[in-house]
Amino acid sequence: VKMSFCAFSRRERQEGNKLRVVSDAMLNKAGRLRYLLCDG
C-alpha cells in the first residue's frame, strides 16, 4: 500500500539525529546502489 501522509501535534517530538529513506533503491552505471535520505 502506498500513501502520502503527515501527522501533526502540539507536543514537540524528541527524536535525535535520524533520517528517513524517501526513495526506492537506484543502481547507477558505476555499479553503486543508492537511496535518497531526508533529514527534514
All heavy atoms as atom14 arrays in JSON, in Angstrom:
{
  "sequence": "VKMSFCAFSRRERQEGNKLRVVSDAMLNKAGRLRYLLCDG",
  "atom14_mask": [
    [1, 1, 1, 1, 1, 1, 1, 0, 0, 0, 0, 0, 0, 0],
    [1, 1, 1, 1, 1, 1, 1, 1, 1, 0, 0, 0, 0, 0],
    [1, 1, 1, 1, 1, 1, 1, 1, 0, 0, 0, 0, 0, 0],
    [1, 1, 1, 1, 1, 1, 0, 0, 0, 0, 0, 0, 0, 0],
    [1, 1, 1, 1, 1, 1, 1, 1, 1, 1, 1, 0, 0, 0],
    [1, 1, 1, 1, 1, 1, 0, 0, 0, 0, 0, 0, 0, 0],
    [1, 1, 1, 1, 1, 0, 0, 0, 0, 0, 0, 0, 0, 0],
    [1, 1, 1, 1, 1, 1, 1, 1, 1, 1, 1, 0, 0, 0],
    [1, 1, 1, 1, 1, 1, 0, 0, 0, 0, 0, 0, 0, 0],
    [1, 1, 1, 1, 1, 1, 1, 1, 1, 1, 1, 0, 0, 0],
    [1, 1, 1, 1, 1, 1, 1, 1, 1, 1, 1, 0, 0, 0],
    [1, 1, 1, 1, 1, 1, 1, 1, 1, 0, 0, 0, 0, 0],
    [1, 1, 1, 1, 1, 1, 1, 1, 1, 1, 1, 0, 0, 0],
    [1, 1, 1, 1, 1, 1, 1, 1, 1, 0, 0, 0, 0, 0],
    [1, 1, 1, 1, 1, 1, 1, 1, 1, 0, 0, 0, 0, 0],
    [1, 1, 1, 1, 0, 0, 0, 0, 0, 0, 0, 0, 0, 0],
    [1, 1, 1, 1, 1, 1, 1, 1, 0, 0, 0, 0, 0, 0],
    [1, 1, 1, 1, 1, 1, 1, 1, 1, 0, 0, 0, 0, 0],
    [1, 1, 1, 1, 1, 1, 1, 1, 0, 0, 0, 0, 0, 0],
    [1, 1, 1, 1, 1, 1, 1, 1, 1, 1, 1, 0, 0, 0],
    [1, 1, 1, 1, 1, 1, 1, 0, 0, 0, 0, 0, 0, 0],
    [1, 1, 1, 1, 1, 1, 1, 0, 0, 0, 0, 0, 0, 0],
    [1, 1, 1, 1, 1, 1, 0, 0, 0, 0, 0, 0, 0, 0],
    [1, 1, 1, 1, 1, 1, 1, 1, 0, 0, 0, 0, 0, 0],
    [1, 1, 1, 1, 1, 0, 0, 0, 0, 0, 0, 0, 0, 0],
    [1, 1, 1, 1, 1, 1, 1, 1, 0, 0, 0, 0, 0, 0],
    [1, 1, 1, 1, 1, 1, 1, 1, 0, 0, 0, 0, 0, 0],
    [1, 1, 1, 1, 1, 1, 1, 1, 0, 0, 0, 0, 0, 0],
    [1, 1, 1, 1, 1, 1, 1, 1, 1, 0, 0, 0, 0, 0],
    [1, 1, 1, 1, 1, 0, 0, 0, 0, 0, 0, 0, 0, 0],
    [1, 1, 1, 1, 0, 0, 0, 0, 0, 0, 0, 0, 0, 0],
    [1, 1, 1, 1, 1, 1, 1, 1, 1, 1, 1, 0, 0, 0],
    [1, 1, 1, 1, 1, 1, 1, 1, 0, 0, 0, 0, 0, 0],
    [1, 1, 1, 1, 1, 1, 1, 1, 1, 1, 1, 0, 0, 0],
    [1, 1, 1, 1, 1, 1, 1, 1, 1, 1, 1, 1, 0, 0],
    [1, 1, 1, 1, 1, 1, 1, 1, 0, 0, 0, 0, 0, 0],
    [1, 1, 1, 1, 1, 1, 1, 1, 0, 0, 0, 0, 0, 0],
    [1, 1, 1, 1, 1, 1, 0, 0, 0, 0, 0, 0, 0, 0],
    [1, 1, 1, 1, 1, 1, 1, 1, 0, 0, 0, 0, 0, 0],
    [1, 1, 1, 1, 0, 0, 0, 0, 0, 0, 0, 0, 0, 0]
  ],
  "atom14_positions": [
    [[0.87, -1.18, 0.0], [0.0, 0.0, 0.0], [0.9, 1.23, 0.0], [1.94, 1.26, 0.66], [-0.97, 0.03, 1.2], [-2.02, -1.04, 1.08], [-0.23, -0.1, 2.53], [0.0, 0.0, 0.0], [0.0, 0.0, 0.0], [0.0, 0.0, 0.0], [0.0, 0.0, 0.0], [0.0, 0.0, 0.0], [0.0, 0.0, 0.0], [0.0, 0.0, 0.0]],
    [[0.5, 2.22, -0.77], [1.25, 3.46, -0.89], [0.36, 4.62, -0.47], [-0.83, 4.62, -0.74], [1.71, 3.68, -2.34], [2.61, 2.58, -2.89], [2.96, 2.86, -4.35], [3.8, 1.75, -4.95], [4.14, 2.01, -6.37], [0.0, 0.0, 0.0], [0.0, 0.0, 0.0], [0.0, 0.0, 0.0], [0.0, 0.0, 0.0], [0.0, 0.0, 0.0]],
    [[0.95, 5.61, 0.16], [0.19, 6.8, 0.54], [1.15, 7.91, 0.93], [2.31, 7.67, 1.28], [-0.76, 6.5, 1.71], [-0.1, 6.16, 3.02], [0.57, 4.48, 3.04], [1.02, 4.34, 4.77], [0.0, 0.0, 0.0], [0.0, 0.0, 0.0], [0.0, 0.0, 0.0], [0.0, 0.0, 0.0], [0.0, 0.0, 0.0], [0.0, 0.0, 0.0]],
    [[0.68, 9.13, 0.86], [1.37, 10.28, 1.43], [0.62, 10.68, 2.69], [-0.62, 10.71, 2.69], [1.4, 11.45, 0.44], [2.17, 11.13, -0.69], [0.0, 0.0, 0.0], [0.0, 0.0, 0.0], [0.0, 0.0, 0.0], [0.0, 0.0, 0.0], [0.0, 0.0, 0.0], [0.0, 0.0, 0.0], [0.0, 0.0, 0.0], [0.0, 0.0, 0.0]],
    [[1.34, 10.96, 3.75], [0.66, 11.35, 4.98], [1.54, 12.29, 5.81], [2.76, 12.28, 5.69], [0.26, 10.13, 5.81], [1.42, 9.4, 6.45], [1.84, 9.71, 7.74], [2.08, 8.38, 5.78], [2.9, 9.04, 8.33], [3.13, 7.7, 6.35], [3.55, 8.03, 7.64], [0.0, 0.0, 0.0], [0.0, 0.0, 0.0], [0.0, 0.0, 0.0]],
    [[0.88, 13.08, 6.63], [1.56, 13.94, 7.6], [0.73, 13.96, 8.87], [-0.5, 14.11, 8.83], [1.69, 15.37, 7.08], [2.88, 15.57, 5.74], [0.0, 0.0, 0.0], [0.0, 0.0, 0.0], [0.0, 0.0, 0.0], [0.0, 0.0, 0.0], [0.0, 0.0, 0.0], [0.0, 0.0, 0.0], [0.0, 0.0, 0.0], [0.0, 0.0, 0.0]],
    [[1.4, 13.78, 10.0], [0.75, 13.83, 11.31], [1.33, 14.99, 12.1], [2.55, 15.18, 12.15], [0.95, 12.52, 12.07], [0.0, 0.0, 0.0], [0.0, 0.0, 0.0], [0.0, 0.0, 0.0], [0.0, 0.0, 0.0], [0.0, 0.0, 0.0], [0.0, 0.0, 0.0], [0.0, 0.0, 0.0], [0.0, 0.0, 0.0], [0.0, 0.0, 0.0]],
    [[0.44, 15.77, 12.72], [0.83, 16.98, 13.45], [0.33, 16.9, 14.89], [-0.67, 16.25, 15.19], [0.22, 18.23, 12.8], [0.5, 18.36, 11.33], [-0.33, 17.76, 10.39], [1.59, 19.09, 10.89], [-0.08, 17.88, 9.03], [1.85, 19.22, 9.52], [1.01, 18.62, 8.6], [0.0, 0.0, 0.0], [0.0, 0.0, 0.0], [0.0, 0.0, 0.0]],
    [[1.04, 17.6, 15.78], [0.62, 17.65, 17.18], [1.15, 18.93, 17.81], [2.11, 19.54, 17.31], [1.14, 16.42, 17.94], [0.82, 16.5, 19.31], [0.0, 0.0, 0.0], [0.0, 0.0, 0.0], [0.0, 0.0, 0.0], [0.0, 0.0, 0.0], [0.0, 0.0, 0.0], [0.0, 0.0, 0.0], [0.0, 0.0, 0.0], [0.0, 0.0, 0.0]],
    [[0.55, 19.3, 18.92], [1.06, 20.43, 19.7], [2.26, 20.0, 20.55], [3.0, 20.83, 21.07], [-0.03, 20.98, 20.63], [-1.26, 21.49, 19.89], [-1.06, 22.87, 19.37], [-2.18, 23.31, 18.53], [-2.1, 24.31, 17.66], [-0.96, 24.93, 17.49], [-3.13, 24.65, 16.94], [0.0, 0.0, 0.0], [0.0, 0.0, 0.0], [0.0, 0.0, 0.0]],
    [[2.44, 18.7, 20.71], [3.56, 18.19, 21.5], [4.79, 18.04, 20.62], [4.74, 17.39, 19.58], [3.21, 16.83, 22.12], [2.1, 16.91, 23.15], [1.82, 15.54, 23.74], [1.33, 14.61, 22.71], [1.04, 13.34, 22.94], [1.21, 12.84, 24.15], [0.58, 12.56, 21.98], [0.0, 0.0, 0.0], [0.0, 0.0, 0.0], [0.0, 0.0, 0.0]],
    [[5.9, 18.62, 21.03], [7.11, 18.53, 20.23], [7.76, 17.17, 20.43], [7.86, 16.67, 21.56], [8.09, 19.64, 20.61], [9.28, 19.72, 19.69], [10.09, 20.99, 19.91], [9.8, 21.71, 20.88], [10.99, 21.26, 19.1], [0.0, 0.0, 0.0], [0.0, 0.0, 0.0], [0.0, 0.0, 0.0], [0.0, 0.0, 0.0], [0.0, 0.0, 0.0]],
    [[8.2, 16.59, 19.35], [8.8, 15.26, 19.39], [10.31, 15.39, 19.56], [10.96, 16.21, 18.93], [8.49, 14.53, 18.08], [9.05, 13.14, 17.98], [8.85, 12.61, 16.58], [9.43, 13.53, 15.6], [9.38, 13.33, 14.29], [8.73, 12.31, 13.8], [9.94, 14.2, 13.46], [0.0, 0.0, 0.0], [0.0, 0.0, 0.0], [0.0, 0.0, 0.0]],
    [[10.87, 14.56, 20.43], [12.31, 14.49, 20.61], [12.79, 13.18, 20.0], [12.53, 12.1, 20.53], [12.67, 14.56, 22.1], [12.2, 15.82, 22.81], [12.84, 17.07, 22.25], [14.0, 17.06, 21.84], [12.09, 18.16, 22.23], [0.0, 0.0, 0.0], [0.0, 0.0, 0.0], [0.0, 0.0, 0.0], [0.0, 0.0, 0.0], [0.0, 0.0, 0.0]],
    [[13.52, 13.28, 18.9], [13.86, 12.07, 18.17], [15.35, 11.89, 17.91], [15.8, 10.82, 17.57], [13.11, 12.06, 16.82], [13.14, 10.72, 16.12], [12.21, 10.71, 14.93], [12.45, 11.49, 14.0], [11.26, 9.92, 14.94], [0.0, 0.0, 0.0], [0.0, 0.0, 0.0], [0.0, 0.0, 0.0], [0.0, 0.0, 0.0], [0.0, 0.0, 0.0]],
    [[16.13, 12.93, 18.07], [17.55, 12.82, 17.79], [17.84, 12.97, 16.3], [17.01, 13.41, 15.52], [0.0, 0.0, 0.0], [0.0, 0.0, 0.0], [0.0, 0.0, 0.0], [0.0, 0.0, 0.0], [0.0, 0.0, 0.0], [0.0, 0.0, 0.0], [0.0, 0.0, 0.0], [0.0, 0.0, 0.0], [0.0, 0.0, 0.0], [0.0, 0.0, 0.0]],
    [[19.04, 12.59, 15.92], [19.52, 12.79, 14.55], [19.18, 11.57, 13.69], [19.98, 10.63, 13.6], [21.02, 13.04, 14.57], [21.56, 13.42, 13.21], [20.82, 13.93, 12.36], [22.84, 13.18, 12.99], [0.0, 0.0, 0.0], [0.0, 0.0, 0.0], [0.0, 0.0, 0.0], [0.0, 0.0, 0.0], [0.0, 0.0, 0.0], [0.0, 0.0, 0.0]],
    [[18.01, 11.57, 13.06], [17.57, 10.45, 12.25], [17.25, 10.91, 10.84], [17.0, 12.09, 10.6], [16.36, 9.75, 12.88], [16.68, 9.08, 14.2], [15.49, 8.27, 14.71], [15.85, 7.56, 16.01], [14.72, 6.73, 16.51], [0.0, 0.0, 0.0], [0.0, 0.0, 0.0], [0.0, 0.0, 0.0], [0.0, 0.0, 0.0], [0.0, 0.0, 0.0]],
    [[17.28, 9.94, 9.92], [16.99, 10.23, 8.52], [15.96, 9.23, 8.02], [15.96, 8.07, 8.41], [18.26, 10.13, 7.67], [19.43, 11.03, 8.07], [20.46, 10.19, 8.83], [20.06, 11.68, 6.86], [0.0, 0.0, 0.0], [0.0, 0.0, 0.0], [0.0, 0.0, 0.0], [0.0, 0.0, 0.0], [0.0, 0.0, 0.0], [0.0, 0.0, 0.0]],
    [[15.1, 9.69, 7.11], [14.05, 8.85, 6.54], [14.44, 8.48, 5.1], [14.85, 9.34, 4.33], [12.72, 9.6, 6.53], [11.55, 8.82, 5.95], [10.95, 7.85, 6.93], [10.2, 8.49, 7.99], [9.56, 7.81, 8.95], [9.6, 6.48, 8.97], [8.91, 8.44, 9.9], [0.0, 0.0, 0.0], [0.0, 0.0, 0.0], [0.0, 0.0, 0.0]],
    [[14.31, 7.2, 4.76], [14.53, 6.76, 3.37], [13.33, 7.22, 2.54], [12.19, 6.86, 2.84], [14.68, 5.23, 3.29], [14.88, 4.8, 1.84], [15.85, 4.75, 4.15], [0.0, 0.0, 0.0], [0.0, 0.0, 0.0], [0.0, 0.0, 0.0], [0.0, 0.0, 0.0], [0.0, 0.0, 0.0], [0.0, 0.0, 0.0], [0.0, 0.0, 0.0]],
    [[13.59, 8.01, 1.49], [12.49, 8.58, 0.72], [12.55, 8.19, -0.76], [11.97, 8.86, -1.62], [12.44, 10.12, 0.86], [12.05, 10.51, 2.28], [13.78, 10.76, 0.46], [0.0, 0.0, 0.0], [0.0, 0.0, 0.0], [0.0, 0.0, 0.0], [0.0, 0.0, 0.0], [0.0, 0.0, 0.0], [0.0, 0.0, 0.0], [0.0, 0.0, 0.0]],
    [[13.24, 7.1, -1.07], [13.27, 6.62, -2.45], [13.4, 5.11, -2.44], [13.73, 4.5, -1.42], [14.45, 7.23, -3.23], [15.68, 6.59, -2.87], [0.0, 0.0, 0.0], [0.0, 0.0, 0.0], [0.0, 0.0, 0.0], [0.0, 0.0, 0.0], [0.0, 0.0, 0.0], [0.0, 0.0, 0.0], [0.0, 0.0, 0.0], [0.0, 0.0, 0.0]],
    [[13.14, 4.51, -3.6], [13.49, 3.12, -3.8], [14.98, 3.03, -4.12], [15.65, 4.05, -4.35], [12.67, 2.54, -4.95], [11.18, 2.56, -4.67], [10.8, 2.28, -3.51], [10.4, 2.87, -5.59], [0.0, 0.0, 0.0], [0.0, 0.0, 0.0], [0.0, 0.0, 0.0], [0.0, 0.0, 0.0], [0.0, 0.0, 0.0], [0.0, 0.0, 0.0]],
    [[15.52, 1.82, -4.14], [16.92, 1.64, -4.49], [17.15, 2.01, -5.95], [16.33, 1.69, -6.82], [17.33, 0.19, -4.24], [0.0, 0.0, 0.0], [0.0, 0.0, 0.0], [0.0, 0.0, 0.0], [0.0, 0.0, 0.0], [0.0, 0.0, 0.0], [0.0, 0.0, 0.0], [0.0, 0.0, 0.0], [0.0, 0.0, 0.0], [0.0, 0.0, 0.0]],
    [[18.27, 2.68, -6.23], [18.61, 3.09, -7.6], [20.03, 2.61, -7.9], [20.95, 2.86, -7.1], [18.52, 4.62, -7.73], [17.12, 5.18, -7.47], [17.09, 7.0, -7.42], [17.76, 7.27, -5.76], [0.0, 0.0, 0.0], [0.0, 0.0, 0.0], [0.0, 0.0, 0.0], [0.0, 0.0, 0.0], [0.0, 0.0, 0.0], [0.0, 0.0, 0.0]],
    [[20.22, 1.94, -9.01], [21.53, 1.42, -9.4], [22.09, 2.28, -10.52], [21.44, 2.47, -11.56], [21.39, -0.04, -9.87], [22.69, -0.75, -10.26], [23.61, -0.91, -9.05], [22.37, -2.12, -10.87], [0.0, 0.0, 0.0], [0.0, 0.0, 0.0], [0.0, 0.0, 0.0], [0.0, 0.0, 0.0], [0.0, 0.0, 0.0], [0.0, 0.0, 0.0]],
    [[23.31, 2.81, -10.32], [23.91, 3.64, -11.36], [24.86, 2.84, -12.25], [25.12, 1.65, -12.01], [24.61, 4.87, -10.75], [25.84, 4.51, -9.94], [26.37, 3.39, -10.02], [26.31, 5.46, -9.14], [0.0, 0.0, 0.0], [0.0, 0.0, 0.0], [0.0, 0.0, 0.0], [0.0, 0.0, 0.0], [0.0, 0.0, 0.0], [0.0, 0.0, 0.0]],
    [[25.4, 3.48, -13.27], [26.24, 2.79, -14.24], [27.54, 2.29, -13.63], [28.18, 1.38, -14.16], [26.52, 3.72, -15.42], [25.29, 4.05, -16.25], [25.64, 4.98, -17.41], [24.41, 5.31, -18.24], [24.73, 6.23, -19.36], [0.0, 0.0, 0.0], [0.0, 0.0, 0.0], [0.0, 0.0, 0.0], [0.0, 0.0, 0.0], [0.0, 0.0, 0.0]],
    [[27.96, 2.91, -12.53], [29.21, 2.5, -11.88], [29.01, 1.3, -10.96], [29.97, 0.86, -10.32], [29.79, 3.68, -11.11], [0.0, 0.0, 0.0], [0.0, 0.0, 0.0], [0.0, 0.0, 0.0], [0.0, 0.0, 0.0], [0.0, 0.0, 0.0], [0.0, 0.0, 0.0], [0.0, 0.0, 0.0], [0.0, 0.0, 0.0], [0.0, 0.0, 0.0]],
    [[27.8, 0.8, -10.89], [27.55, -0.36, -10.05], [27.34, -0.05, -8.59], [27.53, -0.91, -7.71], [0.0, 0.0, 0.0], [0.0, 0.0, 0.0], [0.0, 0.0, 0.0], [0.0, 0.0, 0.0], [0.0, 0.0, 0.0], [0.0, 0.0, 0.0], [0.0, 0.0, 0.0], [0.0, 0.0, 0.0], [0.0, 0.0, 0.0], [0.0, 0.0, 0.0]],
    [[26.94, 1.17, -8.3], [26.65, 1.56, -6.91], [25.13, 1.64, -6.72], [24.41, 2.19, -7.57], [27.29, 2.91, -6.57], [28.8, 2.91, -6.62], [29.36, 4.22, -6.09], [29.17, 4.36, -4.66], [30.01, 3.88, -3.73], [31.1, 3.21, -4.1], [29.77, 4.06, -2.45], [0.0, 0.0, 0.0], [0.0, 0.0, 0.0], [0.0, 0.0, 0.0]],
    [[24.69, 1.13, -5.6], [23.28, 1.21, -5.23], [23.09, 2.44, -4.36], [23.87, 2.67, -3.43], [22.85, -0.05, -4.48], [21.34, -0.35, -4.47], [20.89, -0.75, -5.87], [21.03, -1.48, -3.49], [0.0, 0.0, 0.0], [0.0, 0.0, 0.0], [0.0, 0.0, 0.0], [0.0, 0.0, 0.0], [0.0, 0.0, 0.0], [0.0, 0.0, 0.0]],
    [[22.06, 3.2, -4.64], [21.88, 4.49, -3.97], [20.44, 4.66, -3.51], [19.5, 4.26, -4.18], [22.24, 5.61, -4.95], [22.12, 7.03, -4.4], [22.7, 8.01, -5.4], [21.89, 8.07, -6.62], [21.09, 9.09, -6.94], [20.98, 10.14, -6.14], [20.4, 9.06, -8.06], [0.0, 0.0, 0.0], [0.0, 0.0, 0.0], [0.0, 0.0, 0.0]],
    [[20.29, 5.25, -2.31], [19.0, 5.66, -1.78], [19.05, 7.15, -1.5], [20.12, 7.71, -1.22], [18.67, 4.96, -0.46], [18.5, 3.46, -0.55], [19.59, 2.61, -0.36], [17.25, 2.89, -0.78], [19.44, 1.24, -0.41], [17.1, 1.52, -0.83], [18.19, 0.69, -0.64], [18.04, -0.67, -0.7], [0.0, 0.0, 0.0], [0.0, 0.0, 0.0]],
    [[17.9, 7.8, -1.53], [17.8, 9.18, -1.05], [17.27, 9.17, 0.36], [16.28, 8.48, 0.67], [16.89, 10.0, -1.96], [17.4, 10.31, -3.36], [16.37, 11.14, -4.13], [18.74, 11.03, -3.32], [0.0, 0.0, 0.0], [0.0, 0.0, 0.0], [0.0, 0.0, 0.0], [0.0, 0.0, 0.0], [0.0, 0.0, 0.0], [0.0, 0.0, 0.0]],
    [[17.92, 9.94, 1.22], [17.5, 10.09, 2.61], [17.06, 11.53, 2.83], [17.52, 12.44, 2.15], [18.66, 9.77, 3.57], [19.45, 8.48, 3.33], [20.58, 8.36, 4.36], [18.54, 7.27, 3.38], [0.0, 0.0, 0.0], [0.0, 0.0, 0.0], [0.0, 0.0, 0.0], [0.0, 0.0, 0.0], [0.0, 0.0, 0.0], [0.0, 0.0, 0.0]],
    [[16.18, 11.73, 3.8], [15.73, 13.08, 4.15], [15.96, 13.32, 5.64], [15.6, 12.48, 6.47], [14.25, 13.25, 3.81], [13.61, 14.91, 4.17], [0.0, 0.0, 0.0], [0.0, 0.0, 0.0], [0.0, 0.0, 0.0], [0.0, 0.0, 0.0], [0.0, 0.0, 0.0], [0.0, 0.0, 0.0], [0.0, 0.0, 0.0], [0.0, 0.0, 0.0]],
    [[16.56, 14.45, 5.96], [16.74, 14.82, 7.37], [15.74, 15.9, 7.79], [15.85, 16.47, 8.87], [18.17, 15.28, 7.64], [18.55, 16.57, 6.92], [17.69, 17.12, 6.18], [19.68, 17.04, 7.09], [0.0, 0.0, 0.0], [0.0, 0.0, 0.0], [0.0, 0.0, 0.0], [0.0, 0.0, 0.0], [0.0, 0.0, 0.0], [0.0, 0.0, 0.0]],
    [[14.75, 16.16, 6.93], [13.76, 17.18, 7.21], [14.09, 18.53, 6.62], [13.24, 19.4, 6.51], [0.0, 0.0, 0.0], [0.0, 0.0, 0.0], [0.0, 0.0, 0.0], [0.0, 0.0, 0.0], [0.0, 0.0, 0.0], [0.0, 0.0, 0.0], [0.0, 0.0, 0.0], [0.0, 0.0, 0.0], [0.0, 0.0, 0.0], [0.0, 0.0, 0.0]]
  ]
}
